[in-house]
Amino acid sequence: MSHTYEIQDFWVDEVRRLAATIAKKAIVTIAGEDYEYPITKTVERDGFFKHYIEVEDEPIGDIERTVLVNENNIPLAIGEGIIEKGDEGWQFAFKVFVSLDKKEGELNG
């Protein structure tokens, strides 16, 4: 005999909060050189969270790549493409959607 269950919103929120703690910094490639930037802010919303990093006014050059990494420098998200960067700073956001399939499942006993 099987029984059904449904994932509750609290669990989905907890998974999202846990996922938001995994990333620790970003490695940004500017004009061929890698620079590390800490996550300056994390914003959680319904269904997603955003990690923000701030790239300083120096160095000047094209931003070629951004990599969000965990504490062991394992890549979690990679962005590629040229962004022209002058002498003003930039703020980047990594937006991540987290969801669990909330359809009914089976408990087998």
PDB file of N, CA and C in Angstrom:
ATOM      1  N   MET A   1       0.847  -1.181   0.000  1.00  0.00           N
ATOM      2  CA  MET A   1       0.000   0.000   0.000  1.00  0.00           C
ATOM      3  C   MET A   1       0.890   1.241   0.000  1.00  0.00           C
ATOM      4  N   SER A   2       0.521   2.240  -0.777  1.00  0.00           N
ATOM      5  CA  SER A   2       1.296   3.478  -0.797  1.00  0.00           C
ATOM      6  C   SER A   2       0.436   4.631  -0.306  1.00  0.00           C
ATOM      7  N   HIS A   3       1.102   5.657   0.166  1.00  0.00           N
ATOM      8  CA  HIS A   3       0.440   6.854   0.663  1.00  0.00           C
ATOM      9  C   HIS A   3       1.021   8.046  -0.087  1.00  0.00           C
ATOM     10  N   THR A   4       0.259   9.097  -0.214  1.00  0.00           N
ATOM     11  CA  THR A   4       0.767  10.270  -0.917  1.00  0.00           C
ATOM     12  C   THR A   4       1.274  11.311   0.083  1.00  0.00           C
ATOM     13  N   TYR A   5       2.114  12.197  -0.426  1.00  0.00           N
ATOM     14  CA  TYR A   5       2.619  13.306   0.382  1.00  0.00           C
ATOM     15  C   TYR A   5       2.772  14.522  -0.520  1.00  0.00           C
ATOM     16  N   GLU A   6       2.864  15.685   0.083  1.00  0.00           N
ATOM     17  CA  GLU A   6       3.073  16.919  -0.657  1.00  0.00           C
ATOM     18  C   GLU A   6       4.141  17.740   0.045  1.00  0.00           C
ATOM     19  N   ILE A   7       5.126  18.203  -0.695  1.00  0.00           N
ATOM     20  CA  ILE A   7       6.195  19.036  -0.137  1.00  0.00           C
ATOM     21  C   ILE A   7       5.584  20.372   0.299  1.00  0.00           C
ATOM     22  N   GLN A   8       5.930  20.816   1.496  1.00  0.00           N
ATOM     23  CA  GLN A   8       5.383  22.036   2.065  1.00  0.00           C
ATOM     24  C   GLN A   8       6.271  23.242   1.739  1.00  0.00           C
ATOM     25  N   ASP A   9       5.652  24.416   1.709  1.00  0.00           N
ATOM     26  CA  ASP A   9       6.366  25.651   1.377  1.00  0.00           C
ATOM     27  C   ASP A   9       7.558  25.889   2.297  1.00  0.00           C
ATOM     28  N   PHE A  10       7.424  25.540   3.572  1.00  0.00           N
ATOM     29  CA  PHE A  10       8.519  25.745   4.525  1.00  0.00           C
ATOM     30  C   PHE A  10       9.782  25.034   4.049  1.00  0.00           C
ATOM     31  N   TRP A  11       9.645  23.799   3.556  1.00  0.00           N
ATOM     32  CA  TRP A  11      10.806  23.035   3.094  1.00  0.00           C
ATOM     33  C   TRP A  11      11.451  23.712   1.884  1.00  0.00           C
ATOM     34  N   VAL A  12      10.627  24.184   0.963  1.00  0.00           N
ATOM     35  CA  VAL A  12      11.144  24.880  -0.219  1.00  0.00           C
ATOM     36  C   VAL A  12      11.934  26.120   0.219  1.00  0.00           C
ATOM     37  N   ASP A  13      11.395  26.883   1.161  1.00  0.00           N
ATOM     38  CA  ASP A  13      12.083  28.072   1.669  1.00  0.00           C
ATOM     39  C   ASP A  13      13.399  27.705   2.349  1.00  0.00           C
ATOM     40  N   GLU A  14      13.397  26.620   3.112  1.00  0.00           N
ATOM     41  CA  GLU A  14      14.624  26.185   3.787  1.00  0.00           C
ATOM     42  C   GLU A  14      15.698  25.754   2.784  1.00  0.00           C
ATOM     43  N   VAL A  15      15.303  25.065   1.729  1.00  0.00           N
ATOM     44  CA  VAL A  15      16.253  24.656   0.683  1.00  0.00           C
ATOM     45  C   VAL A  15      16.845  25.893   0.017  1.00  0.00           C
ATOM     46  N   ARG A  16      16.011  26.897  -0.251  1.00  0.00           N
ATOM     47  CA  ARG A  16      16.483  28.132  -0.863  1.00  0.00           C
ATOM     48  C   ARG A  16      17.464  28.849   0.059  1.00  0.00           C
ATOM     49  N   ARG A  17      17.143  28.931   1.361  1.00  0.00           N
ATOM     50  CA  ARG A  17      18.053  29.593   2.311  1.00  0.00           C
ATOM     51  C   ARG A  17      19.385  28.854   2.394  1.00  0.00           C
ATOM     52  N   LEU A  18      19.335  27.541   2.410  1.00  0.00           N
ATOM     53  CA  LEU A  18      20.565  26.750   2.442  1.00  0.00           C
ATOM     54  C   LEU A  18      21.384  26.969   1.170  1.00  0.00           C
ATOM     55  N   ALA A  19      20.735  26.949   0.016  1.00  0.00           N
ATOM     56  CA  ALA A  19      21.437  27.162  -1.251  1.00  0.00           C
ATOM     57  C   ALA A  19      22.114  28.532  -1.285  1.00  0.00           C
ATOM     58  N   ALA A  20      21.496  29.524  -0.673  1.00  0.00           N
ATOM     59  CA  ALA A  20      22.048  30.878  -0.673  1.00  0.00           C
ATOM     60  C   ALA A  20      23.317  30.996   0.167  1.00  0.00           C
ATOM     61  N   THR A  21      23.602  30.017   1.015  1.00  0.00           N
ATOM     62  CA  THR A  21      24.802  30.083   1.857  1.00  0.00           C
ATOM     63  C   THR A  21      26.023  29.425   1.213  1.00  0.00           C
ATOM     64  N   ILE A  22      25.857  28.768   0.087  1.00  0.00           N
ATOM     65  CA  ILE A  22      26.948  27.984  -0.506  1.00  0.00           C
ATOM     66  C   ILE A  22      27.998  28.856  -1.185  1.00  0.00           C
ATOM     67  N   ALA A  23      27.584  29.854  -1.963  1.00  0.00           N
ATOM     68  CA  ALA A  23      28.532  30.716  -2.667  1.00  0.00           C
ATOM     69  C   ALA A  23      29.231  31.639  -1.677  1.00  0.00           C
ATOM     70  N   LYS A  24      30.533  31.857  -1.902  1.00  0.00           N
ATOM     71  CA  LYS A  24      31.314  32.684  -0.979  1.00  0.00           C
ATOM     72  C   LYS A  24      31.932  33.917  -1.633  1.00  0.00           C
ATOM     73  N   LYS A  25      32.212  33.847  -2.953  1.00  0.00           N
ATOM     74  CA  LYS A  25      32.866  34.975  -3.629  1.00  0.00           C
ATOM     75  C   LYS A  25      32.733  34.780  -5.132  1.00  0.00           C
ATOM     76  N   ALA A  26      33.209  35.778  -5.882  1.00  0.00           N
ATOM     77  CA  ALA A  26      33.237  35.682  -7.334  1.00  0.00           C
ATOM     78  C   ALA A  26      34.655  35.956  -7.824  1.00  0.00           C
ATOM     79  N   ILE A  27      35.031  35.255  -8.863  1.00  0.00           N
ATOM     80  CA  ILE A  27      36.303  35.506  -9.536  1.00  0.00           C
ATOM     81  C   ILE A  27      35.954  36.157 -10.867  1.00  0.00           C
ATOM     82  N   VAL A  28      36.447  37.379 -11.063  1.00  0.00           N
ATOM     83  CA  VAL A  28      36.111  38.161 -12.243  1.00  0.00           C
ATOM     84  C   VAL A  28      37.374  38.356 -13.069  1.00  0.00           C
ATOM     85  N   THR A  29      37.293  38.001 -14.351  1.00  0.00           N
ATOM     86  CA  THR A  29      38.427  38.171 -15.263  1.00  0.00           C
ATOM     87  C   THR A  29      38.268  39.508 -15.969  1.00  0.00           C
ATOM     88  N   ILE A  30      39.225  40.402 -15.729  1.00  0.00           N
ATOM     89  CA  ILE A  30      39.235  41.735 -16.335  1.00  0.00           C
ATOM     90  C   ILE A  30      40.548  41.883 -17.094  1.00  0.00           C
ATOM     91  N   ALA A  31      40.456  42.102 -18.396  1.00  0.00           N
ATOM     92  CA  ALA A  31      41.632  42.270 -19.265  1.00  0.00           C
ATOM     93  C   ALA A  31      42.633  41.128 -19.061  1.00  0.00           C
ATOM     94  N   GLY A  32      42.105  39.903 -18.963  1.00  0.00           N
ATOM     95  CA  GLY A  32      42.963  38.722 -18.873  1.00  0.00           C
ATOM     96  C   GLY A  32      43.479  38.385 -17.483  1.00  0.00           C
ATOM     97  N   GLU A  33      43.181  39.196 -16.484  1.00  0.00           N
ATOM     98  CA  GLU A  33      43.631  38.950 -15.113  1.00  0.00           C
ATOM     99  C   GLU A  33      42.441  38.605 -14.227  1.00  0.00           C
ATOM    100  N   ASP A  34      42.640  37.662 -13.298  1.00  0.00           N
ATOM    101  CA  ASP A  34      41.578  37.266 -12.376  1.00  0.00           C
ATOM    102  C   ASP A  34      41.643  38.072 -11.085  1.00  0.00           C
ATOM    103  N   TYR A  35      40.478  38.534 -10.631  1.00  0.00           N
ATOM    104  CA  TYR A  35      40.341  39.284  -9.391  1.00  0.00           C
ATOM    105  C   TYR A  35      39.234  38.649  -8.573  1.00  0.00           C
ATOM    106  N   GLU A  36      39.417  38.570  -7.261  1.00  0.00           N
ATOM    107  CA  GLU A  36      38.407  38.011  -6.369  1.00  0.00           C
ATOM    108  C   GLU A  36      37.615  39.129  -5.709  1.00  0.00           C
ATOM    109  N   TYR A  37      36.299  38.940  -5.675  1.00  0.00           N
ATOM    110  CA  TYR A  37      35.415  39.906  -5.038  1.00  0.00           C
ATOM    111  C   TYR A  37      34.463  39.170  -4.108  1.00  0.00           C
ATOM    112  N   PRO A  38      34.287  39.655  -2.901  1.00  0.00           N
ATOM    113  CA  PRO A  38      33.350  39.001  -1.981  1.00  0.00           C
ATOM    114  C   PRO A  38      31.905  39.297  -2.369  1.00  0.00           C
ATOM    115  N   ILE A  39      31.017  38.458  -1.920  1.00  0.00           N
ATOM    116  CA  ILE A  39      29.597  38.732  -2.058  1.00  0.00           C
ATOM    117  C   ILE A  39      29.277  39.835  -1.056  1.00  0.00           C
ATOM    118  N   THR A  40      28.767  40.948  -1.550  1.00  0.00           N
ATOM    119  CA  THR A  40      28.514  42.090  -0.668  1.00  0.00           C
ATOM    120  C   THR A  40      27.101  42.084  -0.103  1.00  0.00           C
ATOM    121  N   LYS A  41      26.188  41.374  -0.790  1.00  0.00           N
ATOM    122  CA  LYS A  41      24.810  41.358  -0.328  1.00  0.00           C
ATOM    123  C   LYS A  41      24.111  40.164  -0.972  1.00  0.00           C
ATOM    124  N   THR A  42      23.224  39.548  -0.218  1.00  0.00           N
ATOM    125  CA  THR A  42      22.356  38.502  -0.753  1.00  0.00           C
ATOM    126  C   THR A  42      20.917  38.889  -0.449  1.00  0.00           C
ATOM    127  N   VAL A  43      20.080  38.875  -1.472  1.00  0.00           N
ATOM    128  CA  VAL A  43      18.674  39.227  -1.337  1.00  0.00           C
ATOM    129  C   VAL A  43      17.850  37.988  -1.649  1.00  0.00           C
ATOM    130  N   GLU A  44      16.974  37.605  -0.729  1.00  0.00           N
ATOM    131  CA  GLU A  44      16.101  36.446  -0.935  1.00  0.00           C
ATOM    132  C   GLU A  44      14.690  36.934  -1.222  1.00  0.00           C
ATOM    133  N   ARG A  45      14.080  36.323  -2.235  1.00  0.00           N
ATOM    134  CA  ARG A  45      12.706  36.618  -2.614  1.00  0.00           C
ATOM    135  C   ARG A  45      11.975  35.298  -2.813  1.00  0.00           C
ATOM    136  N   ASP A  46      10.678  35.377  -3.070  1.00  0.00           N
ATOM    137  CA  ASP A  46       9.910  34.165  -3.353  1.00  0.00           C
ATOM    138  C   ASP A  46      10.412  33.530  -4.641  1.00  0.00           C
ATOM    139  N   GLY A  47      10.933  32.341  -4.539  1.00  0.00           N
ATOM    140  CA  GLY A  47      11.361  31.594  -5.712  1.00  0.00           C
ATOM    141  C   GLY A  47      12.801  31.781  -6.120  1.00  0.00           C
ATOM    142  N   PHE A  48      13.494  32.806  -5.633  1.00  0.00           N
ATOM    143  CA  PHE A  48      14.876  33.018  -6.050  1.00  0.00           C
ATOM    144  C   PHE A  48      15.651  33.800  -4.991  1.00  0.00           C
ATOM    145  N   PHE A  49      16.963  33.844  -5.194  1.00  0.00           N
ATOM    146  CA  PHE A  49      17.814  34.746  -4.422  1.00  0.00           C
ATOM    147  C   PHE A  49      18.839  35.347  -5.363  1.00  0.00           C
ATOM    148  N   LYS A  50      19.416  36.485  -4.963  1.00  0.00           N
ATOM    149  CA  LYS A  50      20.449  37.147  -5.753  1.00  0.00           C
ATOM    150  C   LYS A  50      21.658  37.386  -4.865  1.00  0.00           C
ATOM    151  N   HIS A  51      22.837  37.071  -5.407  1.00  0.00           N
ATOM    152  CA  HIS A  51      24.103  37.427  -4.775  1.00  0.00           C
ATOM    153  C   HIS A  51      24.661  38.633  -5.539  1.00  0.00           C
ATOM    154  N   TYR A  52      25.060  39.657  -4.813  1.00  0.00           N
ATOM    155  CA  TYR A  52      25.647  40.842  -5.429  1.00  0.00           C
ATOM    156  C   TYR A  52      27.138  40.902  -5.135  1.00  0.00           C
ATOM    157  N   ILE A  53      27.909  41.302  -6.146  1.00  0.00           N
ATOM    158  CA  ILE A  53      29.322  41.629  -5.953  1.00  0.00           C
ATOM    159  C   ILE A  53      29.537  43.024  -6.533  1.00  0.00           C
ATOM    160  N   GLU A  54      30.526  43.710  -6.019  1.00  0.00           N
ATOM    161  CA  GLU A  54      30.849  45.037  -6.520  1.00  0.00           C
ATOM    162  C   GLU A  54      32.276  45.052  -7.022  1.00  0.00           C
ATOM    163  N   VAL A  55      32.431  45.392  -8.305  1.00  0.00           N
ATOM    164  CA  VAL A  55      33.738  45.493  -8.941  1.00  0.00           C
ATOM    165  C   VAL A  55      34.172  46.952  -8.832  1.00  0.00           C
ATOM    166  N   GLU A  56      35.349  47.160  -8.293  1.00  0.00           N
ATOM    167  CA  GLU A  56      35.833  48.506  -8.024  1.00  0.00           C
ATOM    168  C   GLU A  56      36.133  49.283  -9.307  1.00  0.00           C
ATOM    169  N   ASP A  57      36.466  50.574  -9.137  1.00  0.00           N
ATOM    170  CA  ASP A  57      36.767  51.414 -10.294  1.00  0.00           C
ATOM    171  C   ASP A  57      38.058  50.995 -11.003  1.00  0.00           C
ATOM    172  N   GLU A  58      38.969  50.374 -10.305  1.00  0.00           N
ATOM    173  CA  GLU A  58      40.186  49.825 -10.895  1.00  0.00           C
ATOM    174  C   GLU A  58      40.119  48.314 -10.763  1.00  0.00           C
ATOM    175  N   PRO A  59      40.578  47.554 -11.675  1.00  0.00           N
ATOM    176  CA  PRO A  59      41.279  47.929 -12.897  1.00  0.00           C
ATOM    177  C   PRO A  59      40.308  48.286 -14.021  1.00  0.00           C
ATOM    178  N   ILE A  60      40.830  48.971 -15.020  1.00  0.00           N
ATOM    179  CA  ILE A  60      40.081  49.313 -16.218  1.00  0.00           C
ATOM    180  C   ILE A  60      40.357  48.245 -17.259  1.00  0.00           C
ATOM    181  N   GLY A  61      39.346  47.846 -17.995  1.00  0.00           N
ATOM    182  CA  GLY A  61      39.505  46.849 -19.055  1.00  0.00           C
ATOM    183  C   GLY A  61      38.210  46.096 -19.250  1.00  0.00           C
ATOM    184  N   ASP A  62      38.189  45.237 -20.227  1.00  0.00           N
ATOM    185  CA  ASP A  62      36.990  44.463 -20.503  1.00  0.00           C
ATOM    186  C   ASP A  62      36.810  43.362 -19.473  1.00  0.00           C
ATOM    187  N   ILE A  63      35.590  43.264 -18.953  1.00  0.00           N
ATOM    188  CA  ILE A  63      35.235  42.147 -18.079  1.00  0.00           C
ATOM    189  C   ILE A  63      34.876  40.997 -19.012  1.00  0.00           C
ATOM    190  N   GLU A  64      35.630  39.913 -18.915  1.00  0.00           N
ATOM    191  CA  GLU A  64      35.476  38.798 -19.841  1.00  0.00           C
ATOM    192  C   GLU A  64      34.703  37.628 -19.268  1.00  0.00           C
ATOM    193  N   ARG A  65      34.778  37.482 -17.941  1.00  0.00           N
ATOM    194  CA  ARG A  65      34.180  36.297 -17.326  1.00  0.00           C
ATOM    195  C   ARG A  65      33.919  36.566 -15.846  1.00  0.00           C
ATOM    196  N   THR A  66      32.834  36.011 -15.332  1.00  0.00           N
ATOM    197  CA  THR A  66      32.559  36.039 -13.899  1.00  0.00           C
ATOM    198  C   THR A  66      32.222  34.620 -13.461  1.00  0.00           C
ATOM    199  N   VAL A  67      32.807  34.211 -12.347  1.00  0.00           N
ATOM    200  CA  VAL A  67      32.579  32.859 -11.838  1.00  0.00           C
ATOM    201  C   VAL A  67      32.228  32.958 -10.362  1.00  0.00           C
ATOM    202  N   LEU A  68      31.054  32.497 -10.010  1.00  0.00           N
ATOM    203  CA  LEU A  68      30.638  32.426  -8.614  1.00  0.00           C
ATOM    204  C   LEU A  68      31.153  31.103  -8.066  1.00  0.00           C
ATOM    205  N   VAL A  69      31.870  31.140  -6.925  1.00  0.00           N
ATOM    206  CA  VAL A  69      32.494  29.934  -6.385  1.00  0.00           C
ATOM    207  C   VAL A  69      32.147  29.734  -4.916  1.00  0.00           C
ATOM    208  N   ASN A  70      32.345  28.500  -4.453  1.00  0.00           N
ATOM    209  CA  ASN A  70      32.136  28.199  -3.038  1.00  0.00           C
ATOM    210  C   ASN A  70      33.442  28.399  -2.282  1.00  0.00           C
ATOM    211  N   GLU A  71      33.482  27.985  -1.020  1.00  0.00           N
ATOM    212  CA  GLU A  71      34.675  28.206  -0.193  1.00  0.00           C
ATOM    213  C   GLU A  71      35.902  27.444  -0.677  1.00  0.00           C
ATOM    214  N   ASN A  72      35.701  26.411  -1.501  1.00  0.00           N
ATOM    215  CA  ASN A  72      36.815  25.638  -2.062  1.00  0.00           C
ATOM    216  C   ASN A  72      37.121  26.017  -3.502  1.00  0.00           C
ATOM    217  N   ASN A  73      36.615  27.161  -3.939  1.00  0.00           N
ATOM    218  CA  ASN A  73      36.791  27.673  -5.301  1.00  0.00           C
ATOM    219  C   ASN A  73      36.199  26.771  -6.374  1.00  0.00           C
ATOM    220  N   ILE A  74      35.202  25.982  -6.023  1.00  0.00           N
ATOM    221  CA  ILE A  74      34.498  25.162  -7.008  1.00  0.00           C
ATOM    222  C   ILE A  74      33.452  26.044  -7.690  1.00  0.00           C
ATOM    223  N   PRO A  75      33.474  26.128  -9.023  1.00  0.00           N
ATOM    224  CA  PRO A  75      32.524  26.986  -9.740  1.00  0.00           C
ATOM    225  C   PRO A  75      31.078  26.546  -9.534  1.00  0.00           C
ATOM    226  N   LEU A  76      30.221  27.526  -9.275  1.00  0.00           N
ATOM    227  CA  LEU A  76      28.786  27.292  -9.106  1.00  0.00           C
ATOM    228  C   LEU A  76      27.992  27.887 -10.259  1.00  0.00           C
ATOM    229  N   ALA A  77      28.453  29.016 -10.786  1.00  0.00           N
ATOM    230  CA  ALA A  77      27.806  29.691 -11.916  1.00  0.00           C
ATOM    231  C   ALA A  77      28.885  30.437 -12.687  1.00  0.00           C
ATOM    232  N   ILE A  78      28.801  30.386 -14.012  1.00  0.00           N
ATOM    233  CA  ILE A  78      29.809  31.026 -14.854  1.00  0.00           C
ATOM    234  C   ILE A  78      29.103  31.923 -15.864  1.00  0.00           C
ATOM    235  N   GLY A  79      29.571  33.160 -15.958  1.00  0.00           N
ATOM    236  CA  GLY A  79      29.062  34.090 -16.963  1.00  0.00           C
ATOM    237  C   GLY A  79      30.206  34.489 -17.877  1.00  0.00           C
ATOM    238  N   GLU A  80      29.972  34.423 -19.186  1.00  0.00           N
ATOM    239  CA  GLU A  80      31.003  34.798 -20.148  1.00  0.00           C
ATOM    240  C   GLU A  80      30.444  35.785 -21.141  1.00  0.00           C
ATOM    241  N   GLY A  81      31.300  36.651 -21.637  1.00  0.00           N
ATOM    242  CA  GLY A  81      30.907  37.677 -22.591  1.00  0.00           C
ATOM    243  C   GLY A  81      31.594  38.977 -22.221  1.00  0.00           C
ATOM    244  N   ILE A  82      31.868  39.789 -23.193  1.00  0.00           N
ATOM    245  CA  ILE A  82      32.616  41.028 -22.975  1.00  0.00           C
ATOM    246  C   ILE A  82      31.691  42.132 -22.473  1.00  0.00           C
ATOM    247  N   ILE A  83      32.103  42.758 -21.382  1.00  0.00           N
ATOM    248  CA  ILE A  83      31.446  43.952 -20.857  1.00  0.00           C
ATOM    249  C   ILE A  83      32.523  45.017 -20.762  1.00  0.00           C
ATOM    250  N   GLU A  84      32.334  46.135 -21.458  1.00  0.00           N
ATOM    251  CA  GLU A  84      33.323  47.196 -21.395  1.00  0.00           C
ATOM    252  C   GLU A  84      33.264  47.855 -20.025  1.00  0.00           C
ATOM    253  N   LYS A  85      34.443  48.014 -19.413  1.00  0.00           N
ATOM    254  CA  LYS A  85      34.511  48.631 -18.091  1.00  0.00           C
ATOM    255  C   LYS A  85      35.481  49.794 -18.129  1.00  0.00           C
ATOM    256  N   GLY A  86      34.968  50.959 -17.851  1.00  0.00           N
ATOM    257  CA  GLY A  86      35.808  52.136 -17.762  1.00  0.00           C
ATOM    258  C   GLY A  86      36.326  52.296 -16.345  1.00  0.00           C
ATOM    259  N   ASP A  87      36.434  53.553 -15.887  1.00  0.00           N
ATOM    260  CA  ASP A  87      36.991  53.812 -14.559  1.00  0.00           C
ATOM    261  C   ASP A  87      35.924  53.914 -13.481  1.00  0.00           C
ATOM    262  N   GLU A  88      34.695  53.506 -13.797  1.00  0.00           N
ATOM    263  CA  GLU A  88      33.642  53.477 -12.792  1.00  0.00           C
ATOM    264  C   GLU A  88      33.398  52.039 -12.360  1.00  0.00           C
ATOM    265  N   GLY A  89      32.951  51.867 -11.134  1.00  0.00           N
ATOM    266  CA  GLY A  89      32.691  50.533 -10.612  1.00  0.00           C
ATOM    267  C   GLY A  89      31.435  49.907 -11.214  1.00  0.00           C
ATOM    268  N   TRP A  90      31.296  48.617 -11.001  1.00  0.00           N
ATOM    269  CA  TRP A  90      30.147  47.864 -11.476  1.00  0.00           C
ATOM    270  C   TRP A  90      29.582  47.050 -10.338  1.00  0.00           C
ATOM    271  N   GLN A  91      28.302  46.789 -10.403  1.00  0.00           N
ATOM    272  CA  GLN A  91      27.674  45.865  -9.466  1.00  0.00           C
ATOM    273  C   GLN A  91      27.055  44.750 -10.298  1.00  0.00           C
ATOM    274  N   PHE A  92      27.380  43.505  -9.937  1.00  0.00           N
ATOM    275  CA  PHE A  92      26.849  42.340 -10.632  1.00  0.00           C
ATOM    276  C   PHE A  92      25.934  41.572  -9.692  1.00  0.00           C
ATOM    277  N   ALA A  93      24.919  40.957 -10.254  1.00  0.00           N
ATOM    278  CA  ALA A  93      24.036  40.104  -9.467  1.00  0.00           C
ATOM    279  C   ALA A  93      23.946  38.739 -10.141  1.00  0.00           C
ATOM    280  N   PHE A  94      24.105  37.706  -9.345  1.00  0.00           N
ATOM    281  CA  PHE A  94      23.880  36.337  -9.778  1.00  0.00           C
ATOM    282  C   PHE A  94      22.495  35.959  -9.265  1.00  0.00           C
ATOM    283  N   LYS A  95      21.547  35.760 -10.156  1.00  0.00           N
ATOM    284  CA  LYS A  95      20.172  35.444  -9.768  1.00  0.00           C
ATOM    285  C   LYS A  95      19.961  33.944  -9.916  1.00  0.00           C
ATOM    286  N   VAL A  96      19.494  33.315  -8.834  1.00  0.00           N
ATOM    287  CA  VAL A  96      19.327  31.863  -8.806  1.00  0.00           C
ATOM    288  C   VAL A  96      17.899  31.528  -8.391  1.00  0.00           C
ATOM    289  N   PHE A  97      17.230  30.729  -9.217  1.00  0.00           N
ATOM    290  CA  PHE A  97      15.889  30.243  -8.886  1.00  0.00           C
ATOM    291  C   PHE A  97      16.019  28.870  -8.248  1.00  0.00           C
ATOM    292  N   VAL A  98      15.309  28.652  -7.154  1.00  0.00           N
ATOM    293  CA  VAL A  98      15.335  27.366  -6.459  1.00  0.00           C
ATOM    294  C   VAL A  98      13.895  26.908  -6.281  1.00  0.00           C
ATOM    295  N   SER A  99      13.620  25.681  -6.707  1.00  0.00           N
ATOM    296  CA  SER A  99      12.272  25.148  -6.515  1.00  0.00           C
ATOM    297  C   SER A  99      12.355  23.643  -6.307  1.00  0.00           C
ATOM    298  N   LEU A 100      11.348  23.121  -5.678  1.00  0.00           N
ATOM    299  CA  LEU A 100      11.189  21.678  -5.524  1.00  0.00           C
ATOM    300  C   LEU A 100       9.888  21.312  -6.205  1.00  0.00           C
ATOM    301  N   ASP A 101       9.843  20.148  -6.798  1.00  0.00           N
ATOM    302  CA  ASP A 101       8.615  19.682  -7.414  1.00  0.00           C
ATOM    303  C   ASP A 101       7.623  19.375  -6.299  1.00  0.00           C
ATOM    304  N   LYS A 102       6.554  20.131  -6.243  1.00  0.00           N
ATOM    305  CA  LYS A 102       5.597  20.009  -5.142  1.00  0.00           C
ATOM    306  C   LYS A 102       4.431  19.088  -5.478  1.00  0.00           C
ATOM    307  N   LYS A 103       4.559  18.325  -6.539  1.00  0.00           N
ATOM    308  CA  LYS A 103       3.503  17.385  -6.891  1.00  0.00           C
ATOM    309  C   LYS A 103       3.455  16.267  -5.863  1.00  0.00           C
ATOM    310  N   GLU A 104       2.359  15.604  -5.842  1.00  0.00           N
ATOM    311  CA  GLU A 104       2.211  14.480  -4.907  1.00  0.00           C
ATOM    312  C   GLU A 104       3.178  13.369  -5.276  1.00  0.00           C
ATOM    313  N   GLY A 105       3.721  12.726  -4.266  1.00  0.00           N
ATOM    314  CA  GLY A 105       4.602  11.591  -4.467  1.00  0.00           C
ATOM    315  C   GLY A 105       4.065  10.409  -3.704  1.00  0.00           C
ATOM    316  N   GLU A 106       4.863   9.406  -3.595  1.00  0.00           N
ATOM    317  CA  GLU A 106       4.446   8.187  -2.892  1.00  0.00           C
ATOM    318  C   GLU A 106       5.392   7.890  -1.747  1.00  0.00           C
ATOM    319  N   LEU A 107       4.830   7.452  -0.659  1.00  0.00           N
ATOM    320  CA  LEU A 107       5.590   6.887   0.449  1.00  0.00           C
ATOM    321  C   LEU A 107       5.381   5.382   0.370  1.00  0.00           C
ATOM    322  N   ASN A 108       6.451   4.678   0.214  1.00  0.00           N
ATOM    323  CA  ASN A 108       6.332   3.220   0.120  1.00  0.00           C
ATOM    324  C   ASN A 108       6.735   2.608   1.462  1.00  0.00           C
ATOM    325  N   GLY A 109       5.938   1.739   1.937  1.00  0.00           N
ATOM    326  CA  GLY A 109       6.236   1.138   3.231  1.00  0.00           C
ATOM    327  C   GLY A 109       6.052  -0.354   3.214  1.00  0.00           C
TER     328      GLY A 109
END
